[in-house]
C-alpha cells in the first residue's frame, strides 16, 4: 500500500537574519517534530515553485508519525521582491500554521548586508547599499509582510515572536512555539544554549560563476538534494569584511527609523503589550 503524501502543517516564514536557523535547530531535535533539513524556498516563483507539488511532497518523505511537520524559508517574507508567496501557500496549505520571527529592523538590515558582503553579492558601503536597494528595508517592514499573509490566513494561524525574546528568554519562547504547533511544550533540546548561523561567526564564501549556478539549480529536477546544490553553488574565499567597521551613519540611521516608524507601530498589534518597539515607535 502506498504511503499517503505528507505536507507541512507549519512553516517558519522568516524574517531573514532574525534567528530562524536557531529556531529550526531547536525544533528539529523535538521527537514530535519533523523539519525539512534545508530551506526549500518552494513557494517563491523565482526559486522552486516550477518544480510542482510532487517535488515539494518528496521533501517530506522522511516524516513518519510526527505531530508537526514543517520547513523554514525566510524568502517567504520578502514581498515585493518575491510576490504571491502567501497566496501560493494558502492554496496548497490552507490550514498551515505560520511562525514569523522579527528583529530590531536596523540590526536585521545590517546583518543582511554583512551576509551579502561576505558572500560577494554586495560591494557598496552600507549606507549606499541600503538606500539604493529597497529589499533591505522592505524585509524589515514586518507589519507590511504580515499584512500580505492576513489576506489569505486567519490571525490565529500566525505566531509573531521577536528574535530578542528567542535570544534572552529562549526556553519560554521555544515553549510558546511548541504549544503553537501542537507538540509537548515542556521539552527542551540539549543544545538550547547554542545559537546558529550568526553572521559574525560565518566564514567568507563566494558564489561560483552564474552559468554553473544555473546548472546546479537545474540539477534539482533530477534529484540532487537542495542542500548539495547550495553547497556547490559557493566556493571558499580569502576575502575579508571588516564587520566591526560596518555601521550606519547618524543621518542614515535617522532616515531609516523614520521610514520604519509607522510599520513598527502597526507591528505592535501582533506582539505582546510589553513590546518596546525597539525605541523606534
C-alpha atoms as a PDB file:
ATOM      1  CA  UNK A   1       0.000   0.000   0.000  1.00  0.00           C
ATOM      2  CA  UNK A   2       1.408   3.381  -0.987  1.00  0.00           C
ATOM      3  CA  UNK A   3       2.064   5.879   1.745  1.00  0.00           C
ATOM      4  CA  UNK A   4      -0.106   8.984   1.904  1.00  0.00           C
ATOM      5  CA  UNK A   5       1.861  12.118   0.904  1.00  0.00           C
ATOM      6  CA  UNK A   6       2.875  14.302   3.824  1.00  0.00           C
ATOM      7  CA  UNK A   7       2.777  18.088   3.586  1.00  0.00           C
ATOM      8  CA  UNK A   8       3.815  20.621   6.243  1.00  0.00           C
ATOM      9  CA  UNK A   9       1.399  21.809   8.896  1.00  0.00           C
ATOM     10  CA  UNK A  10       3.727  24.614   9.992  1.00  0.00           C
ATOM     11  CA  UNK A  11       6.176  26.965   8.286  1.00  0.00           C
ATOM     12  CA  UNK A  12       8.867  29.255   9.644  1.00  0.00           C
ATOM     13  CA  UNK A  13       8.436  32.122   7.176  1.00  0.00           C
ATOM     14  CA  UNK A  14      11.182  34.493   8.331  1.00  0.00           C
ATOM     15  CA  UNK A  15      12.461  37.035   8.784  1.00  0.00           C
ATOM     16  CA  UNK A  16      15.895  36.550   7.289  1.00  0.00           C
ATOM     17  CA  UNK A  17      18.684  37.159   9.834  1.00  0.00           C
ATOM     18  CA  UNK A  18      16.228  37.059  12.751  1.00  0.00           C
ATOM     19  CA  UNK A  19      17.080  33.742  14.406  1.00  0.00           C
ATOM     20  CA  UNK A  20      15.201  31.350  12.131  1.00  0.00           C
ATOM     21  CA  UNK A  21      18.151  28.968  11.810  1.00  0.00           C
ATOM     22  CA  UNK A  22      18.487  28.669  15.582  1.00  0.00           C
ATOM     23  CA  UNK A  23      14.750  28.068  15.990  1.00  0.00           C
ATOM     24  CA  UNK A  24      14.841  25.380  13.306  1.00  0.00           C
ATOM     25  CA  UNK A  25      17.725  23.610  15.057  1.00  0.00           C
ATOM     26  CA  UNK A  26      15.866  23.571  18.362  1.00  0.00           C
ATOM     27  CA  UNK A  27      12.636  22.267  16.828  1.00  0.00           C
ATOM     28  CA  UNK A  28      14.383  19.643  14.718  1.00  0.00           C
ATOM     29  CA  UNK A  29      15.515  17.868  17.891  1.00  0.00           C
ATOM     30  CA  UNK A  30      11.948  17.526  19.210  1.00  0.00           C
ATOM     31  CA  UNK A  31      10.749  13.903  18.936  1.00  0.00           C
ATOM     32  CA  UNK A  32       7.295  15.072  17.777  1.00  0.00           C
ATOM     33  CA  UNK A  33       8.623  17.363  15.037  1.00  0.00           C
ATOM     34  CA  UNK A  34       9.841  16.646  11.507  1.00  0.00           C
ATOM     35  CA  UNK A  35      11.517  19.654   9.894  1.00  0.00           C
ATOM     36  CA  UNK A  36      12.963  19.633   6.385  1.00  0.00           C
ATOM     37  CA  UNK A  37      16.727  19.811   6.728  1.00  0.00           C
ATOM     38  CA  UNK A  38      17.131  22.655   4.242  1.00  0.00           C
ATOM     39  CA  UNK A  39      15.454  25.870   3.132  1.00  0.00           C
ATOM     40  CA  UNK A  40      13.208  24.776   0.287  1.00  0.00           C
ATOM     41  CA  UNK A  41      12.003  28.191  -0.980  1.00  0.00           C
ATOM     42  CA  UNK A  42       9.283  26.272  -2.795  1.00  0.00           C
ATOM     43  CA  UNK A  43       6.575  28.937  -2.811  1.00  0.00           C
ATOM     44  CA  UNK A  44       8.829  31.552  -4.423  1.00  0.00           C
ATOM     45  CA  UNK A  45       8.072  31.648  -8.154  1.00  0.00           C
ATOM     46  CA  UNK A  46      11.665  32.613  -8.933  1.00  0.00           C
ATOM     47  CA  UNK A  47      13.039  29.665  -6.957  1.00  0.00           C
ATOM     48  CA  UNK A  48      11.396  26.201  -6.956  1.00  0.00           C
ATOM     49  CA  UNK A  49       7.664  26.705  -7.479  1.00  0.00           C
ATOM     50  CA  UNK A  50       8.001  25.464 -11.046  1.00  0.00           C
ATOM     51  CA  UNK A  51       9.059  22.050  -9.736  1.00  0.00           C
ATOM     52  CA  UNK A  52       5.473  21.392  -8.629  1.00  0.00           C
ATOM     53  CA  UNK A  53       3.694  19.959  -5.577  1.00  0.00           C
ATOM     54  CA  UNK A  54       5.031  16.439  -6.152  1.00  0.00           C
ATOM     55  CA  UNK A  55       8.595  17.719  -5.721  1.00  0.00           C
ATOM     56  CA  UNK A  56       7.555  19.543  -2.544  1.00  0.00           C
ATOM     57  CA  UNK A  57       5.876  16.452  -1.103  1.00  0.00           C
ATOM     58  CA  UNK A  58       9.022  14.463  -1.818  1.00  0.00           C
ATOM     59  CA  UNK A  59      10.992  16.680   0.561  1.00  0.00           C
ATOM     60  CA  UNK A  60       8.961  15.274   3.480  1.00  0.00           C
ATOM     61  CA  UNK A  61       9.198  11.556   2.745  1.00  0.00           C
ATOM     62  CA  UNK A  62      11.288  11.164   5.884  1.00  0.00           C
ATOM     63  CA  UNK A  63       8.331  12.137   8.085  1.00  0.00           C
ATOM     64  CA  UNK A  64       6.661   9.272   9.905  1.00  0.00           C
ATOM     65  CA  UNK A  65       4.189   9.798  12.737  1.00  0.00           C
ATOM     66  CA  UNK A  66       5.407  13.203  13.913  1.00  0.00           C
ATOM     67  CA  UNK A  67       2.711  15.577  15.148  1.00  0.00           C
ATOM     68  CA  UNK A  68       4.262  18.642  13.498  1.00  0.00           C
ATOM     69  CA  UNK A  69       5.845  18.658  10.030  1.00  0.00           C
ATOM     70  CA  UNK A  70       7.410  21.841   8.747  1.00  0.00           C
ATOM     71  CA  UNK A  71      10.018  23.749   6.826  1.00  0.00           C
ATOM     72  CA  UNK A  72      11.885  27.057   7.137  1.00  0.00           C
ATOM     73  CA  UNK A  73      12.307  29.501   4.254  1.00  0.00           C
ATOM     74  CA  UNK A  74      12.884  33.194   5.126  1.00  0.00           C
ATOM     75  CA  UNK A  75      12.327  34.109   1.470  1.00  0.00           C
ATOM     76  CA  UNK A  76       8.596  33.750   2.215  1.00  0.00           C
ATOM     77  CA  UNK A  77       8.562  37.224   3.811  1.00  0.00           C
ATOM     78  CA  UNK A  78      10.348  39.257   1.153  1.00  0.00           C
ATOM     79  CA  UNK A  79       7.431  40.980  -0.548  1.00  0.00           C
ATOM     80  CA  UNK A  80       7.528  42.709  -3.020  1.00  0.00           C
ATOM     81  CA  UNK A  81      10.848  41.210  -4.128  1.00  0.00           C
ATOM     82  CA  UNK A  82       9.060  37.852  -4.187  1.00  0.00           C
ATOM     83  CA  UNK A  83       5.376  38.352  -4.915  1.00  0.00           C
ATOM     84  CA  UNK A  84       2.457  35.983  -4.472  1.00  0.00           C
ATOM     85  CA  UNK A  85       4.020  33.751  -1.824  1.00  0.00           C
ATOM     86  CA  UNK A  86       1.164  33.887   0.746  1.00  0.00           C
ATOM     87  CA  UNK A  87      -1.396  33.079  -1.937  1.00  0.00           C
ATOM     88  CA  UNK A  88       0.533  30.026  -3.121  1.00  0.00           C
ATOM     89  CA  UNK A  89       0.937  28.801   0.442  1.00  0.00           C
ATOM     90  CA  UNK A  90      -2.754  29.349   1.129  1.00  0.00           C
ATOM     91  CA  UNK A  91      -3.779  27.411  -1.961  1.00  0.00           C
ATOM     92  CA  UNK A  92      -1.681  24.338  -1.089  1.00  0.00           C
ATOM     93  CA  UNK A  93      -1.634  24.540   2.727  1.00  0.00           C
ATOM     94  CA  UNK A  94      -4.781  26.407   3.828  1.00  0.00           C
ATOM     95  CA  UNK A  95      -4.623  25.203   7.464  1.00  0.00           C
ATOM     96  CA  UNK A  96      -0.880  25.710   7.934  1.00  0.00           C
ATOM     97  CA  UNK A  97       0.492  27.497  10.998  1.00  0.00           C
ATOM     98  CA  UNK A  98       2.973  30.287  10.344  1.00  0.00           C
ATOM     99  CA  UNK A  99       5.851  31.321  12.601  1.00  0.00           C
ATOM    100  CA  UNK A 100       7.399  34.728  11.978  1.00  0.00           C
ATOM    101  CA  UNK A 101      10.473  35.936  13.856  1.00  0.00           C
ATOM    102  CA  UNK A 102      11.202  39.672  13.813  1.00  0.00           C
ATOM    103  CA  UNK A 103      14.289  41.544  14.973  1.00  0.00           C
ATOM    104  CA  UNK A 104      15.297  45.163  15.547  1.00  0.00           C
ATOM    105  CA  UNK A 105      14.867  46.289  11.933  1.00  0.00           C
ATOM    106  CA  UNK A 106      18.153  48.169  11.609  1.00  0.00           C
ATOM    107  CA  UNK A 107      20.128  45.354  13.181  1.00  0.00           C
ATOM    108  CA  UNK A 108      18.486  42.932  10.782  1.00  0.00           C
ATOM    109  CA  UNK A 109      19.346  45.157   7.806  1.00  0.00           C
ATOM    110  CA  UNK A 110      22.973  45.413   8.898  1.00  0.00           C
ATOM    111  CA  UNK A 111      23.186  41.651   9.390  1.00  0.00           C
ATOM    112  CA  UNK A 112      21.766  41.010   5.932  1.00  0.00           C
ATOM    113  CA  UNK A 113      24.199  43.499   4.439  1.00  0.00           C
ATOM    114  CA  UNK A 114      27.106  41.648   6.080  1.00  0.00           C
ATOM    115  CA  UNK A 115      25.702  38.329   4.860  1.00  0.00           C
ATOM    116  CA  UNK A 116      25.607  39.600   1.277  1.00  0.00           C
ATOM    117  CA  UNK A 117      29.050  41.203   1.558  1.00  0.00           C
ATOM    118  CA  UNK A 118      30.578  38.010   2.896  1.00  0.00           C
ATOM    119  CA  UNK A 119      29.047  36.054   0.017  1.00  0.00           C
ATOM    120  CA  UNK A 120      30.330  38.534  -2.557  1.00  0.00           C
ATOM    121  CA  UNK A 121      26.887  39.816  -3.520  1.00  0.00           C
ATOM    122  CA  UNK A 122      27.314  43.300  -2.045  1.00  0.00           C
ATOM    123  CA  UNK A 123      30.286  45.589  -2.616  1.00  0.00           C
ATOM    124  CA  UNK A 124      28.831  49.014  -1.850  1.00  0.00           C
ATOM    125  CA  UNK A 125      29.236  50.739   1.527  1.00  0.00           C
ATOM    126  CA  UNK A 126      26.416  50.044   3.993  1.00  0.00           C
ATOM    127  CA  UNK A 127      24.657  53.409   3.749  1.00  0.00           C
ATOM    128  CA  UNK A 128      24.764  53.433  -0.039  1.00  0.00           C
ATOM    129  CA  UNK A 129      23.561  49.847  -0.358  1.00  0.00           C
ATOM    130  CA  UNK A 130      20.547  50.034   1.933  1.00  0.00           C
ATOM    131  CA  UNK A 131      19.327  53.318   0.453  1.00  0.00           C
ATOM    132  CA  UNK A 132      19.729  52.066  -3.125  1.00  0.00           C
ATOM    133  CA  UNK A 133      18.208  48.575  -2.715  1.00  0.00           C
ATOM    134  CA  UNK A 134      14.673  48.689  -1.257  1.00  0.00           C
ATOM    135  CA  UNK A 135      14.691  44.971  -0.445  1.00  0.00           C
ATOM    136  CA  UNK A 136      16.839  45.658   2.614  1.00  0.00           C
ATOM    137  CA  UNK A 137      14.226  47.904   4.205  1.00  0.00           C
ATOM    138  CA  UNK A 138      11.174  46.063   2.834  1.00  0.00           C
ATOM    139  CA  UNK A 139      12.274  42.855   4.549  1.00  0.00           C
ATOM    140  CA  UNK A 140      12.366  44.803   7.828  1.00  0.00           C
ATOM    141  CA  UNK A 141       8.827  46.147   7.294  1.00  0.00           C
ATOM    142  CA  UNK A 142       7.388  43.373   9.417  1.00  0.00           C
ATOM    143  CA  UNK A 143       3.812  44.631   9.666  1.00  0.00           C
ATOM    144  CA  UNK A 144       3.802  45.098   5.897  1.00  0.00           C
ATOM    145  CA  UNK A 145       4.900  41.474   5.423  1.00  0.00           C
ATOM    146  CA  UNK A 146       2.303  40.226   7.917  1.00  0.00           C
ATOM    147  CA  UNK A 147      -0.442  42.099   6.103  1.00  0.00           C
ATOM    148  CA  UNK A 148       0.272  40.131   2.937  1.00  0.00           C
ATOM    149  CA  UNK A 149      -0.440  36.909   4.860  1.00  0.00           C
ATOM    150  CA  UNK A 150      -3.580  38.147   6.559  1.00  0.00           C
ATOM    151  CA  UNK A 151      -5.190  38.451   3.126  1.00  0.00           C
ATOM    152  CA  UNK A 152      -5.045  34.633   2.976  1.00  0.00           C
ATOM    153  CA  UNK A 153      -4.888  33.370   6.576  1.00  0.00           C
ATOM    154  CA  UNK A 154      -6.641  33.961   9.879  1.00  0.00           C
ATOM    155  CA  UNK A 155      -4.726  35.846  12.533  1.00  0.00           C
ATOM    156  CA  UNK A 156      -4.884  32.726  14.740  1.00  0.00           C
ATOM    157  CA  UNK A 157      -2.681  30.869  12.216  1.00  0.00           C
ATOM    158  CA  UNK A 158       0.166  33.346  12.698  1.00  0.00           C
ATOM    159  CA  UNK A 159       2.609  33.493  15.614  1.00  0.00           C
ATOM    160  CA  UNK A 160       4.895  36.531  15.690  1.00  0.00           C
ATOM    161  CA  UNK A 161       7.915  36.478  18.018  1.00  0.00           C
ATOM    162  CA  UNK A 162      10.956  38.683  18.461  1.00  0.00           C
ATOM    163  CA  UNK A 163      14.498  37.479  17.932  1.00  0.00           C
ATOM    164  CA  UNK A 164      15.362  39.299  21.143  1.00  0.00           C
ATOM    165  CA  UNK A 165      12.971  37.057  23.098  1.00  0.00           C
ATOM    166  CA  UNK A 166      14.389  33.961  21.408  1.00  0.00           C
ATOM    167  CA  UNK A 167      17.865  35.043  22.486  1.00  0.00           C
ATOM    168  CA  UNK A 168      17.155  36.248  26.034  1.00  0.00           C
ATOM    169  CA  UNK A 169      14.105  34.150  27.023  1.00  0.00           C
ATOM    170  CA  UNK A 170      14.874  31.122  24.899  1.00  0.00           C
ATOM    171  CA  UNK A 171      13.154  28.354  26.865  1.00  0.00           C
ATOM    172  CA  UNK A 172       9.906  30.302  27.293  1.00  0.00           C
ATOM    173  CA  UNK A 173       9.877  31.387  23.647  1.00  0.00           C
ATOM    174  CA  UNK A 174      10.516  27.858  22.416  1.00  0.00           C
ATOM    175  CA  UNK A 175       7.712  26.568  24.651  1.00  0.00           C
ATOM    176  CA  UNK A 176       5.393  29.142  23.051  1.00  0.00           C
ATOM    177  CA  UNK A 177       6.340  27.897  19.583  1.00  0.00           C
ATOM    178  CA  UNK A 178       5.883  24.264  20.571  1.00  0.00           C
ATOM    179  CA  UNK A 179       2.443  24.972  22.024  1.00  0.00           C
ATOM    180  CA  UNK A 180       1.519  26.774  18.809  1.00  0.00           C
ATOM    181  CA  UNK A 181       2.427  23.787  16.597  1.00  0.00           C
ATOM    182  CA  UNK A 182       0.793  21.281  18.946  1.00  0.00           C
ATOM    183  CA  UNK A 183       3.769  19.419  20.424  1.00  0.00           C
ATOM    184  CA  UNK A 184       4.862  18.947  24.036  1.00  0.00           C
ATOM    185  CA  UNK A 185       5.861  22.457  25.154  1.00  0.00           C
ATOM    186  CA  UNK A 186       7.970  21.429  28.156  1.00  0.00           C
ATOM    187  CA  UNK A 187      10.555  19.609  26.017  1.00  0.00           C
ATOM    188  CA  UNK A 188      13.936  21.346  25.644  1.00  0.00           C
ATOM    189  CA  UNK A 189      16.709  20.444  23.201  1.00  0.00           C
ATOM    190  CA  UNK A 190      20.163  19.630  24.592  1.00  0.00           C
ATOM    191  CA  UNK A 191      21.688  22.438  22.510  1.00  0.00           C
ATOM    192  CA  UNK A 192      19.331  25.160  23.786  1.00  0.00           C
ATOM    193  CA  UNK A 193      22.223  27.436  24.802  1.00  0.00           C
ATOM    194  CA  UNK A 194      23.739  27.328  21.291  1.00  0.00           C
ATOM    195  CA  UNK A 195      22.984  29.955  18.626  1.00  0.00           C
ATOM    196  CA  UNK A 196      23.302  29.119  14.941  1.00  0.00           C
ATOM    197  CA  UNK A 197      24.215  30.921  11.704  1.00  0.00           C
ATOM    198  CA  UNK A 198      25.241  34.206  13.308  1.00  0.00           C
ATOM    199  CA  UNK A 199      26.744  36.391  10.589  1.00  0.00           C
ATOM    200  CA  UNK A 200      29.558  37.464  12.904  1.00  0.00           C
ATOM    201  CA  UNK A 201      30.710  33.838  13.121  1.00  0.00           C
ATOM    202  CA  UNK A 202      30.410  32.852   9.462  1.00  0.00           C
ATOM    203  CA  UNK A 203      33.350  32.123   7.151  1.00  0.00           C
ATOM    204  CA  UNK A 204      33.571  34.043   3.905  1.00  0.00           C
ATOM    205  CA  UNK A 205      32.006  32.271   0.918  1.00  0.00           C
ATOM    206  CA  UNK A 206      31.699  33.491  -2.661  1.00  0.00           C
ATOM    207  CA  UNK A 207      29.169  32.426  -5.299  1.00  0.00           C
ATOM    208  CA  UNK A 208      30.527  30.454  -8.212  1.00  0.00           C
ATOM    209  CA  UNK A 209      30.091  31.624 -11.790  1.00  0.00           C
ATOM    210  CA  UNK A 210      26.471  32.237 -12.795  1.00  0.00           C
ATOM    211  CA  UNK A 211      26.298  29.604 -15.590  1.00  0.00           C
ATOM    212  CA  UNK A 212      27.423  26.940 -13.125  1.00  0.00           C
ATOM    213  CA  UNK A 213      24.833  28.076 -10.578  1.00  0.00           C
ATOM    214  CA  UNK A 214      22.123  27.692 -13.231  1.00  0.00           C
ATOM    215  CA  UNK A 215      23.347  24.169 -13.947  1.00  0.00           C
ATOM    216  CA  UNK A 216      23.360  23.314 -10.252  1.00  0.00           C
ATOM    217  CA  UNK A 217      19.835  24.642  -9.739  1.00  0.00           C
ATOM    218  CA  UNK A 218      18.621  22.681 -12.734  1.00  0.00           C
ATOM    219  CA  UNK A 219      20.069  19.567 -11.129  1.00  0.00           C
ATOM    220  CA  UNK A 220      17.312  19.711  -8.504  1.00  0.00           C
ATOM    221  CA  UNK A 221      14.971  18.452 -11.233  1.00  0.00           C
ATOM    222  CA  UNK A 222      16.890  15.189 -11.453  1.00  0.00           C
ATOM    223  CA  UNK A 223      17.063  14.538  -7.753  1.00  0.00           C
ATOM    224  CA  UNK A 224      20.114  16.335  -6.395  1.00  0.00           C
ATOM    225  CA  UNK A 225      19.217  17.420  -2.845  1.00  0.00           C
ATOM    226  CA  UNK A 226      18.789  21.192  -2.351  1.00  0.00           C
ATOM    227  CA  UNK A 227      21.497  21.191   0.345  1.00  0.00           C
ATOM    228  CA  UNK A 228      24.014  19.759  -2.121  1.00  0.00           C
ATOM    229  CA  UNK A 229      23.069  22.328  -4.754  1.00  0.00           C
ATOM    230  CA  UNK A 230      23.529  25.229  -2.352  1.00  0.00           C
ATOM    231  CA  UNK A 231      26.865  23.947  -1.045  1.00  0.00           C
ATOM    232  CA  UNK A 232      28.226  23.504  -4.558  1.00  0.00           C
ATOM    233  CA  UNK A 233      26.988  26.962  -5.538  1.00  0.00           C
ATOM    234  CA  UNK A 234      29.627  28.601  -3.342  1.00  0.00           C
ATOM    235  CA  UNK A 235      33.384  28.377  -3.015  1.00  0.00           C
ATOM    236  CA  UNK A 236      35.753  29.417  -0.250  1.00  0.00           C
ATOM    237  CA  UNK A 237      37.393  32.845  -0.438  1.00  0.00           C
ATOM    238  CA  UNK A 238      40.170  34.584   1.431  1.00  0.00           C
ATOM    239  CA  UNK A 239      38.468  37.978   1.090  1.00  0.00           C
ATOM    240  CA  UNK A 240      37.579  39.529   4.428  1.00  0.00           C
ATOM    241  CA  UNK A 241      34.988  42.062   5.535  1.00  0.00           C
ATOM    242  CA  UNK A 242      35.616  44.428   8.439  1.00  0.00           C
ATOM    243  CA  UNK A 243      32.480  43.522  10.369  1.00  0.00           C
ATOM    244  CA  UNK A 244      33.264  45.810  13.300  1.00  0.00           C
ATOM    245  CA  UNK A 245      33.670  48.792  10.962  1.00  0.00           C
ATOM    246  CA  UNK A 246      30.256  48.368   9.327  1.00  0.00           C
ATOM    247  CA  UNK A 247      27.843  50.860  10.883  1.00  0.00           C
ATOM    248  CA  UNK A 248      25.119  53.253   9.777  1.00  0.00           C
ATOM    249  CA  UNK A 249      25.886  56.950   9.705  1.00  0.00           C
ATOM    250  CA  UNK A 250      23.728  59.023  12.047  1.00  0.00           C
ATOM    251  CA  UNK A 251      21.827  60.524   9.115  1.00  0.00           C
ATOM    252  CA  UNK A 252      21.070  57.137   7.535  1.00  0.00           C
ATOM    253  CA  UNK A 253      20.020  55.669  10.884  1.00  0.00           C
ATOM    254  CA  UNK A 254      17.607  58.555  11.449  1.00  0.00           C
ATOM    255  CA  UNK A 255      16.226  58.251   7.928  1.00  0.00           C
ATOM    256  CA  UNK A 256      15.632  54.515   8.276  1.00  0.00           C
ATOM    257  CA  UNK A 257      13.990  54.865  11.681  1.00  0.00           C
ATOM    258  CA  UNK A 258      11.628  57.469  10.260  1.00  0.00           C
ATOM    259  CA  UNK A 259      10.782  55.237   7.287  1.00  0.00           C
ATOM    260  CA  UNK A 260      10.071  52.291   9.579  1.00  0.00           C
ATOM    261  CA  UNK A 261       8.257  54.085  12.417  1.00  0.00           C
ATOM    262  CA  UNK A 262       4.700  53.554  11.173  1.00  0.00           C
ATOM    263  CA  UNK A 263       5.394  49.897  10.387  1.00  0.00           C
ATOM    264  CA  UNK A 264       6.691  49.302  13.919  1.00  0.00           C
ATOM    265  CA  UNK A 265       3.544  50.952  15.304  1.00  0.00           C
ATOM    266  CA  UNK A 266       1.380  48.583  13.270  1.00  0.00           C
ATOM    267  CA  UNK A 267       3.504  45.635  14.369  1.00  0.00           C
ATOM    268  CA  UNK A 268       2.512  46.262  17.994  1.00  0.00           C
ATOM    269  CA  UNK A 269      -0.921  44.728  17.434  1.00  0.00           C
ATOM    270  CA  UNK A 270       0.754  41.391  16.648  1.00  0.00           C
ATOM    271  CA  UNK A 271       3.039  41.268  19.704  1.00  0.00           C
ATOM    272  CA  UNK A 272       2.640  41.311  23.476  1.00  0.00           C
ATOM    273  CA  UNK A 273       1.827  44.538  25.267  1.00  0.00           C
ATOM    274  CA  UNK A 274       5.362  44.741  26.704  1.00  0.00           C
ATOM    275  CA  UNK A 275       6.942  45.009  23.226  1.00  0.00           C
ATOM    276  CA  UNK A 276       9.141  48.140  23.380  1.00  0.00           C
ATOM    277  CA  UNK A 277       9.144  48.976  19.673  1.00  0.00           C
ATOM    278  CA  UNK A 278      12.964  48.830  19.696  1.00  0.00           C
ATOM    279  CA  UNK A 279      12.940  52.507  20.638  1.00  0.00           C
ATOM    280  CA  UNK A 280      11.620  53.370  17.173  1.00  0.00           C
ATOM    281  CA  UNK A 281       7.866  53.579  17.837  1.00  0.00           C
END
